[in-house]
N, C-alpha and C. Protein backbone atom coordinates (compact mmCIF):
# COMPACT_ATOMS: atom_id res chain seq x y z
N MET A 1 43.69 -31.14 -109.35
CA MET A 1 43.09 -31.58 -110.60
C MET A 1 41.64 -31.92 -110.32
N SER A 2 40.74 -31.34 -111.06
CA SER A 2 39.32 -31.41 -110.73
C SER A 2 38.70 -32.79 -110.89
N ASP A 3 39.23 -33.63 -111.76
CA ASP A 3 38.62 -34.94 -111.96
C ASP A 3 39.34 -36.06 -111.19
N CYS A 4 40.29 -35.72 -110.35
CA CYS A 4 41.06 -36.72 -109.60
C CYS A 4 40.33 -37.08 -108.30
N LEU A 5 40.09 -38.36 -108.12
CA LEU A 5 39.41 -38.86 -106.92
C LEU A 5 40.14 -38.43 -105.65
N PHE A 6 41.46 -38.57 -105.62
CA PHE A 6 42.20 -38.24 -104.41
C PHE A 6 42.24 -36.73 -104.17
N CYS A 7 42.28 -35.93 -105.23
CA CYS A 7 42.21 -34.48 -105.04
C CYS A 7 40.86 -34.09 -104.44
N LYS A 8 39.80 -34.78 -104.83
CA LYS A 8 38.47 -34.53 -104.27
C LYS A 8 38.42 -34.93 -102.81
N ILE A 9 39.10 -36.01 -102.44
CA ILE A 9 39.17 -36.42 -101.03
C ILE A 9 39.92 -35.37 -100.22
N ILE A 10 41.05 -34.90 -100.72
CA ILE A 10 41.83 -33.86 -100.03
C ILE A 10 40.98 -32.61 -99.83
N ALA A 11 40.20 -32.23 -100.85
CA ALA A 11 39.37 -31.02 -100.78
C ALA A 11 38.16 -31.19 -99.86
N GLY A 12 37.88 -32.43 -99.43
CA GLY A 12 36.73 -32.68 -98.57
C GLY A 12 35.44 -32.89 -99.34
N ASP A 13 35.53 -32.99 -100.67
CA ASP A 13 34.34 -33.20 -101.49
C ASP A 13 33.84 -34.64 -101.42
N ILE A 14 34.73 -35.56 -101.08
CA ILE A 14 34.37 -36.97 -100.92
C ILE A 14 34.82 -37.38 -99.52
N PRO A 15 33.92 -37.97 -98.73
CA PRO A 15 34.31 -38.37 -97.38
C PRO A 15 35.36 -39.48 -97.40
N SER A 16 36.19 -39.48 -96.37
CA SER A 16 37.22 -40.53 -96.24
C SER A 16 37.42 -40.83 -94.76
N GLY A 17 38.02 -41.93 -94.49
CA GLY A 17 38.39 -42.27 -93.12
C GLY A 17 39.75 -41.67 -92.83
N LYS A 18 39.78 -40.36 -92.63
CA LYS A 18 41.05 -39.66 -92.45
C LYS A 18 41.80 -40.20 -91.24
N VAL A 19 43.09 -40.45 -91.45
CA VAL A 19 43.99 -40.95 -90.41
C VAL A 19 44.96 -39.85 -89.98
N TYR A 20 45.36 -39.00 -90.94
CA TYR A 20 46.38 -37.98 -90.68
C TYR A 20 46.30 -36.92 -91.77
N GLU A 21 46.60 -35.69 -91.38
CA GLU A 21 46.69 -34.61 -92.35
C GLU A 21 47.62 -33.54 -91.83
N ASP A 22 48.44 -33.00 -92.74
CA ASP A 22 49.23 -31.81 -92.43
C ASP A 22 49.23 -30.94 -93.68
N ASP A 23 50.11 -29.96 -93.74
CA ASP A 23 50.12 -29.05 -94.88
C ASP A 23 50.50 -29.72 -96.19
N ASP A 24 51.20 -30.86 -96.13
CA ASP A 24 51.75 -31.47 -97.33
C ASP A 24 51.13 -32.80 -97.73
N VAL A 25 50.61 -33.56 -96.77
CA VAL A 25 50.09 -34.89 -97.07
C VAL A 25 48.73 -35.12 -96.41
N PHE A 26 48.04 -36.11 -96.94
CA PHE A 26 46.75 -36.55 -96.41
C PHE A 26 46.80 -38.06 -96.38
N ALA A 27 46.36 -38.67 -95.30
CA ALA A 27 46.35 -40.13 -95.17
C ALA A 27 44.96 -40.59 -94.75
N PHE A 28 44.51 -41.69 -95.35
CA PHE A 28 43.17 -42.20 -95.08
C PHE A 28 43.13 -43.70 -95.27
N ASN A 29 42.13 -44.33 -94.68
CA ASN A 29 41.96 -45.78 -94.79
C ASN A 29 41.53 -46.16 -96.20
N ASP A 30 42.14 -47.22 -96.73
CA ASP A 30 41.77 -47.75 -98.04
C ASP A 30 40.37 -48.35 -97.94
N ILE A 31 39.54 -48.13 -98.96
CA ILE A 31 38.16 -48.65 -98.91
C ILE A 31 38.10 -50.14 -99.25
N HIS A 32 39.18 -50.69 -99.79
CA HIS A 32 39.27 -52.12 -100.07
C HIS A 32 40.55 -52.66 -99.43
N PRO A 33 40.57 -52.74 -98.09
CA PRO A 33 41.82 -53.10 -97.40
C PRO A 33 42.32 -54.50 -97.74
N LYS A 34 43.63 -54.60 -97.87
CA LYS A 34 44.30 -55.87 -98.13
C LYS A 34 45.00 -56.41 -96.89
N ALA A 35 44.86 -55.71 -95.77
CA ALA A 35 45.44 -56.09 -94.48
C ALA A 35 44.61 -55.42 -93.39
N PRO A 36 44.74 -55.87 -92.14
CA PRO A 36 43.98 -55.23 -91.06
C PRO A 36 44.19 -53.71 -91.00
N THR A 37 45.41 -53.26 -91.27
CA THR A 37 45.68 -51.84 -91.41
C THR A 37 46.09 -51.61 -92.85
N HIS A 38 45.36 -50.76 -93.55
CA HIS A 38 45.69 -50.43 -94.94
C HIS A 38 45.35 -48.96 -95.14
N VAL A 39 46.39 -48.14 -95.10
CA VAL A 39 46.25 -46.68 -95.18
C VAL A 39 46.97 -46.18 -96.42
N LEU A 40 46.35 -45.23 -97.09
CA LEU A 40 46.98 -44.56 -98.24
C LEU A 40 47.50 -43.20 -97.79
N VAL A 41 48.71 -42.90 -98.18
CA VAL A 41 49.31 -41.59 -97.89
C VAL A 41 49.55 -40.91 -99.23
N ILE A 42 48.99 -39.71 -99.39
CA ILE A 42 49.08 -39.00 -100.66
C ILE A 42 49.61 -37.59 -100.45
N PRO A 43 50.46 -37.12 -101.37
CA PRO A 43 50.84 -35.72 -101.29
C PRO A 43 49.65 -34.85 -101.70
N LYS A 44 49.54 -33.69 -101.12
CA LYS A 44 48.45 -32.79 -101.50
C LYS A 44 48.66 -32.21 -102.90
N LEU A 45 49.90 -32.13 -103.30
CA LEU A 45 50.23 -31.71 -104.66
C LEU A 45 49.90 -32.86 -105.60
N HIS A 46 49.13 -32.59 -106.65
CA HIS A 46 48.76 -33.65 -107.59
C HIS A 46 49.97 -34.02 -108.45
N ILE A 47 50.41 -35.27 -108.29
CA ILE A 47 51.45 -35.86 -109.12
C ILE A 47 50.87 -37.19 -109.58
N PRO A 48 50.72 -37.42 -110.88
CA PRO A 48 50.03 -38.61 -111.35
C PRO A 48 50.66 -39.93 -110.91
N THR A 49 51.97 -40.09 -111.06
CA THR A 49 52.64 -41.35 -110.73
C THR A 49 54.01 -41.05 -110.13
N LEU A 50 54.61 -42.05 -109.52
CA LEU A 50 55.97 -41.91 -109.02
C LEU A 50 56.91 -41.55 -110.17
N ALA A 51 56.65 -42.07 -111.35
CA ALA A 51 57.49 -41.77 -112.51
C ALA A 51 57.45 -40.30 -112.89
N ASP A 52 56.40 -39.59 -112.47
CA ASP A 52 56.27 -38.16 -112.75
C ASP A 52 56.86 -37.29 -111.66
N ALA A 53 57.27 -37.87 -110.56
CA ALA A 53 57.79 -37.11 -109.41
C ALA A 53 59.24 -36.74 -109.68
N LYS A 54 59.50 -35.47 -109.89
CA LYS A 54 60.84 -35.01 -110.24
C LYS A 54 61.55 -34.30 -109.10
N ASP A 55 60.86 -34.11 -107.97
CA ASP A 55 61.41 -33.35 -106.85
C ASP A 55 61.85 -34.29 -105.73
N PRO A 56 63.16 -34.51 -105.59
CA PRO A 56 63.61 -35.42 -104.53
C PRO A 56 63.27 -34.92 -103.13
N THR A 57 63.16 -33.62 -102.96
CA THR A 57 62.78 -33.08 -101.65
C THR A 57 61.35 -33.49 -101.30
N LEU A 58 60.46 -33.40 -102.27
CA LEU A 58 59.07 -33.81 -102.05
C LEU A 58 58.99 -35.30 -101.74
N LEU A 59 59.75 -36.11 -102.47
CA LEU A 59 59.73 -37.55 -102.23
C LEU A 59 60.30 -37.89 -100.85
N GLY A 60 61.34 -37.18 -100.44
CA GLY A 60 61.89 -37.38 -99.10
C GLY A 60 60.89 -37.01 -98.03
N MET A 61 60.19 -35.90 -98.23
CA MET A 61 59.16 -35.48 -97.28
C MET A 61 58.05 -36.52 -97.21
N LEU A 62 57.64 -37.04 -98.36
CA LEU A 62 56.58 -38.04 -98.39
C LEU A 62 56.99 -39.29 -97.59
N MET A 63 58.21 -39.76 -97.80
CA MET A 63 58.67 -40.94 -97.07
C MET A 63 58.83 -40.65 -95.57
N ASP A 64 59.23 -39.44 -95.23
CA ASP A 64 59.31 -39.05 -93.81
C ASP A 64 57.93 -39.10 -93.17
N ARG A 65 56.91 -38.60 -93.86
CA ARG A 65 55.54 -38.61 -93.32
C ARG A 65 55.01 -40.03 -93.26
N VAL A 66 55.31 -40.85 -94.25
CA VAL A 66 54.89 -42.26 -94.22
C VAL A 66 55.47 -42.93 -92.98
N ASN A 67 56.74 -42.70 -92.72
CA ASN A 67 57.41 -43.26 -91.54
C ASN A 67 56.72 -42.78 -90.26
N HIS A 68 56.43 -41.49 -90.17
CA HIS A 68 55.75 -40.94 -89.00
C HIS A 68 54.37 -41.57 -88.82
N ILE A 69 53.61 -41.67 -89.89
CA ILE A 69 52.26 -42.23 -89.80
C ILE A 69 52.31 -43.70 -89.38
N ALA A 70 53.18 -44.48 -90.00
CA ALA A 70 53.27 -45.91 -89.69
C ALA A 70 53.71 -46.15 -88.25
N ASN A 71 54.71 -45.40 -87.80
CA ASN A 71 55.27 -45.65 -86.47
C ASN A 71 54.56 -44.91 -85.34
N ASP A 72 54.26 -43.63 -85.53
CA ASP A 72 53.73 -42.81 -84.45
C ASP A 72 52.21 -42.71 -84.42
N VAL A 73 51.58 -42.75 -85.58
CA VAL A 73 50.12 -42.63 -85.63
C VAL A 73 49.47 -44.01 -85.58
N LEU A 74 49.90 -44.91 -86.45
CA LEU A 74 49.30 -46.24 -86.53
C LEU A 74 49.91 -47.23 -85.53
N LYS A 75 51.10 -46.92 -85.02
CA LYS A 75 51.79 -47.77 -84.03
C LYS A 75 52.00 -49.20 -84.54
N LEU A 76 52.50 -49.31 -85.78
CA LEU A 76 52.74 -50.62 -86.37
C LEU A 76 54.11 -51.14 -85.95
N GLU A 77 54.23 -51.41 -84.66
CA GLU A 77 55.51 -51.79 -84.06
C GLU A 77 56.03 -53.14 -84.54
N ALA A 78 55.14 -54.05 -84.93
CA ALA A 78 55.57 -55.37 -85.40
C ALA A 78 56.11 -55.31 -86.83
N GLY A 79 55.85 -54.21 -87.52
CA GLY A 79 56.32 -54.05 -88.89
C GLY A 79 55.19 -53.73 -89.84
N TYR A 80 55.57 -53.38 -91.05
CA TYR A 80 54.60 -53.00 -92.06
C TYR A 80 55.25 -53.08 -93.44
N ARG A 81 54.42 -53.02 -94.45
CA ARG A 81 54.89 -53.03 -95.83
C ARG A 81 54.43 -51.75 -96.51
N LEU A 82 55.29 -51.22 -97.38
CA LEU A 82 54.94 -50.07 -98.20
C LEU A 82 54.85 -50.53 -99.65
N VAL A 83 53.83 -50.03 -100.35
CA VAL A 83 53.64 -50.37 -101.76
C VAL A 83 53.35 -49.09 -102.51
N ILE A 84 54.05 -48.90 -103.63
CA ILE A 84 53.74 -47.82 -104.57
C ILE A 84 53.56 -48.46 -105.93
N ASN A 85 52.35 -48.46 -106.43
CA ASN A 85 52.07 -48.98 -107.77
C ASN A 85 52.30 -47.84 -108.77
N VAL A 86 52.98 -48.16 -109.86
CA VAL A 86 53.33 -47.13 -110.85
C VAL A 86 52.74 -47.50 -112.20
N ARG A 87 51.88 -46.65 -112.66
CA ARG A 87 51.20 -46.77 -113.94
C ARG A 87 50.29 -48.01 -113.97
N GLU A 88 49.50 -48.07 -115.02
CA GLU A 88 48.50 -49.13 -115.14
C GLU A 88 49.12 -50.53 -115.09
N GLY A 89 50.23 -50.73 -115.77
CA GLY A 89 50.89 -52.03 -115.79
C GLY A 89 51.43 -52.44 -114.43
N GLY A 90 51.67 -51.47 -113.56
CA GLY A 90 52.14 -51.74 -112.21
C GLY A 90 51.02 -51.84 -111.20
N GLY A 91 49.78 -51.78 -111.67
CA GLY A 91 48.63 -51.93 -110.78
C GLY A 91 48.04 -50.63 -110.27
N GLN A 92 48.53 -49.49 -110.75
CA GLN A 92 47.98 -48.21 -110.28
C GLN A 92 46.59 -48.00 -110.86
N GLU A 93 45.63 -47.69 -109.98
CA GLU A 93 44.25 -47.47 -110.41
C GLU A 93 43.84 -46.01 -110.33
N VAL A 94 44.35 -45.29 -109.35
CA VAL A 94 44.07 -43.86 -109.21
C VAL A 94 45.37 -43.14 -109.53
N PHE A 95 45.32 -42.25 -110.51
CA PHE A 95 46.54 -41.60 -110.97
C PHE A 95 46.81 -40.31 -110.21
N HIS A 96 47.12 -40.52 -108.94
CA HIS A 96 47.62 -39.51 -108.00
C HIS A 96 48.59 -40.30 -107.13
N LEU A 97 49.85 -39.93 -107.13
CA LEU A 97 50.86 -40.66 -106.38
C LEU A 97 50.36 -40.98 -104.98
N HIS A 98 50.50 -42.24 -104.58
CA HIS A 98 50.09 -42.64 -103.23
C HIS A 98 50.92 -43.84 -102.76
N VAL A 99 51.12 -43.88 -101.46
CA VAL A 99 51.86 -44.95 -100.81
C VAL A 99 50.88 -45.74 -99.96
N HIS A 100 50.85 -47.05 -100.16
CA HIS A 100 50.04 -47.93 -99.33
C HIS A 100 50.87 -48.33 -98.11
N ILE A 101 50.32 -48.19 -96.92
CA ILE A 101 50.91 -48.75 -95.70
C ILE A 101 50.04 -49.93 -95.31
N LEU A 102 50.64 -51.13 -95.29
CA LEU A 102 49.91 -52.35 -94.93
C LEU A 102 50.53 -52.95 -93.69
N GLY A 103 49.71 -53.32 -92.74
CA GLY A 103 50.22 -53.93 -91.51
C GLY A 103 49.11 -54.53 -90.68
N GLY A 104 49.45 -54.86 -89.46
CA GLY A 104 48.47 -55.42 -88.54
C GLY A 104 48.46 -56.93 -88.51
N LYS A 105 49.26 -57.56 -89.36
CA LYS A 105 49.43 -59.01 -89.35
C LYS A 105 50.70 -59.32 -90.12
N LYS A 106 51.20 -60.54 -89.98
CA LYS A 106 52.35 -60.96 -90.77
C LYS A 106 51.91 -61.08 -92.21
N LEU A 107 52.58 -60.39 -93.08
CA LEU A 107 52.17 -60.33 -94.47
C LEU A 107 52.95 -61.32 -95.32
N PRO A 108 52.26 -62.11 -96.16
CA PRO A 108 52.98 -63.01 -97.07
C PRO A 108 53.66 -62.21 -98.15
N PHE A 109 54.68 -62.76 -98.73
CA PHE A 109 55.36 -62.03 -99.80
C PHE A 109 54.87 -62.43 -101.14
């Protein structure tokens, strides 16, 4: 989608602190981190919100990659939190499905 910020990041039109990339997902550091480690993992396929995701295979792949990034790339051995904001009322600001990985310290609930 041409006007989507995250699609522009995937295309390389906007620089990012890339953490991981494969054929299906792109992961990068959040520009407004809420924890010492705050990485966004996005599918390369534009899906506006989790509520719009109709493919359980794609969602399973996304969670598999999130797990790989958190454990093998970021080495968040002490633990981490995953957040998916859905729609404006749920705090979503960029309408491209994304998973926040937060870690690097004990997180309050």
